[in-house]
């Protein structure tokens, strides 16, 4: 009995969404990119985002639209470490600290450790 070959996820995943009207296609691409970024514990680079959207998708315009949509939200989409990541807005830091979900003490560095950290950050610019 011959075994039927199943298509890989790469083969069946419709990046271009050609069956959708342009406005619905754009919305679906936005949802996909946001979902991938949200699910990742690290910044997501352009190559990874390109895996979930079609070749016709302008990733820069898509990111701009997402950032615009998040303008009134307590979090934002930022470019960091060569990729994109959702981050809580700085003005919400007090609420996050008050929740008790994060350690509000920060780093407890000696003066010497602080100087080493500062020098390292300066030299890596």
Protein backbone atom coordinates (compact mmCIF):
# COMPACT_ATOMS: atom_id res chain seq x y z
CA UNK A 1 0.00 0.00 0.00
CA UNK A 2 1.52 3.30 -1.09
CA UNK A 3 1.83 5.94 1.55
CA UNK A 4 0.22 9.31 0.78
CA UNK A 5 2.60 12.22 1.17
CA UNK A 6 1.21 15.03 3.32
CA UNK A 7 2.19 18.57 2.38
CA UNK A 8 4.49 20.34 4.79
CA UNK A 9 3.34 23.44 6.65
CA UNK A 10 5.55 25.39 4.24
CA UNK A 11 3.59 24.05 1.28
CA UNK A 12 0.06 24.63 2.56
CA UNK A 13 0.44 27.93 4.38
CA UNK A 14 -1.03 30.69 2.18
CA UNK A 15 1.21 33.73 2.64
CA UNK A 16 -0.19 35.75 -0.23
CA UNK A 17 -3.88 35.32 0.64
CA UNK A 18 -4.76 35.92 -3.01
CA UNK A 19 -8.39 34.91 -2.49
CA UNK A 20 -9.01 37.81 -0.08
CA UNK A 21 -9.85 41.37 -1.08
CA UNK A 22 -6.91 43.76 -0.43
CA UNK A 23 -8.31 45.30 2.77
CA UNK A 24 -8.97 41.87 4.34
CA UNK A 25 -5.58 40.60 3.18
CA UNK A 26 -3.87 43.58 4.86
CA UNK A 27 -5.83 42.98 8.09
CA UNK A 28 -4.87 39.29 8.11
CA UNK A 29 -1.20 40.14 7.59
CA UNK A 30 -1.38 42.59 10.51
CA UNK A 31 -2.92 39.92 12.73
CA UNK A 32 -0.30 37.36 11.73
CA UNK A 33 2.64 39.69 12.35
CA UNK A 34 1.26 40.81 15.72
CA UNK A 35 0.62 37.20 16.76
CA UNK A 36 4.16 36.13 15.92
CA UNK A 37 5.71 39.11 17.72
CA UNK A 38 3.45 38.64 20.73
CA UNK A 39 4.30 34.92 20.98
CA UNK A 40 8.06 35.43 20.82
CA UNK A 41 10.11 35.99 23.99
CA UNK A 42 12.79 37.71 21.89
CA UNK A 43 12.70 40.39 19.18
CA UNK A 44 11.44 39.02 15.85
CA UNK A 45 13.49 39.88 12.78
CA UNK A 46 12.29 40.71 9.29
CA UNK A 47 13.15 37.25 7.91
CA UNK A 48 10.84 35.54 10.39
CA UNK A 49 8.01 38.00 9.72
CA UNK A 50 8.41 37.42 5.97
CA UNK A 51 7.62 33.73 6.57
CA UNK A 52 4.04 34.55 7.55
CA UNK A 53 3.16 37.24 5.00
CA UNK A 54 3.22 37.20 1.24
CA UNK A 55 5.77 38.61 -1.13
CA UNK A 56 3.32 41.38 -1.98
CA UNK A 57 3.30 42.56 1.62
CA UNK A 58 5.22 45.74 2.39
CA UNK A 59 6.50 44.91 5.89
CA UNK A 60 7.61 48.49 6.62
CA UNK A 61 4.13 49.87 5.86
CA UNK A 62 2.56 47.04 7.82
CA UNK A 63 4.71 47.80 10.89
CA UNK A 64 3.83 51.50 10.55
CA UNK A 65 0.12 50.62 10.54
CA UNK A 66 0.50 48.42 13.62
CA UNK A 67 2.36 51.18 15.46
CA UNK A 68 -0.36 53.66 14.51
CA UNK A 69 -3.09 51.29 15.75
CA UNK A 70 -1.28 50.91 19.08
CA UNK A 71 -0.93 54.68 19.65
CA UNK A 72 -3.62 54.70 22.36
CA UNK A 73 -2.67 51.37 23.92
CA UNK A 74 -0.50 50.82 27.03
CA UNK A 75 2.02 48.91 24.93
CA UNK A 76 3.83 49.63 21.68
CA UNK A 77 5.71 47.89 18.92
CA UNK A 78 9.39 48.85 18.98
CA UNK A 79 12.44 47.97 16.93
CA UNK A 80 15.06 46.45 19.21
CA UNK A 81 18.12 44.26 18.66
CA UNK A 82 17.51 43.98 14.92
CA UNK A 83 13.90 42.88 15.33
CA UNK A 84 10.47 43.89 16.59
CA UNK A 85 9.01 43.44 20.06
CA UNK A 86 5.91 44.49 21.99
CA UNK A 87 6.86 46.59 25.02
CA UNK A 88 4.89 48.27 27.79
CA UNK A 89 4.99 52.04 27.41
CA UNK A 90 7.29 53.83 29.86
CA UNK A 91 4.40 55.89 31.23
CA UNK A 92 2.78 52.65 32.44
CA UNK A 93 5.80 51.61 34.54
CA UNK A 94 4.17 52.77 37.79
CA UNK A 95 1.10 50.62 37.18
CA UNK A 96 3.24 47.60 36.33
CA UNK A 97 5.37 48.06 39.47
CA UNK A 98 2.24 48.56 41.61
CA UNK A 99 0.85 45.25 40.35
CA UNK A 100 3.67 43.38 42.09
CA UNK A 101 4.34 41.31 38.97
CA UNK A 102 7.86 42.66 38.62
CA UNK A 103 10.62 43.33 41.10
CA UNK A 104 10.62 47.06 41.77
CA UNK A 105 14.06 47.07 43.41
CA UNK A 106 15.90 47.12 40.09
CA UNK A 107 19.58 46.27 39.96
CA UNK A 108 21.50 46.49 43.19
CA UNK A 109 24.92 47.39 41.79
CA UNK A 110 27.93 48.73 43.59
CA UNK A 111 29.40 51.99 42.29
CA UNK A 112 32.23 50.05 40.63
CA UNK A 113 29.80 47.62 38.95
CA UNK A 114 27.74 50.56 37.70
CA UNK A 115 30.83 52.17 36.18
CA UNK A 116 31.80 48.92 34.43
CA UNK A 117 28.26 48.57 33.06
CA UNK A 118 28.27 52.19 31.89
CA UNK A 119 31.67 51.80 30.19
CA UNK A 120 30.54 48.60 28.47
CA UNK A 121 27.36 50.23 27.19
CA UNK A 122 29.29 53.28 25.98
CA UNK A 123 31.90 51.23 24.13
CA UNK A 124 29.30 49.07 22.38
CA UNK A 125 27.56 52.05 20.72
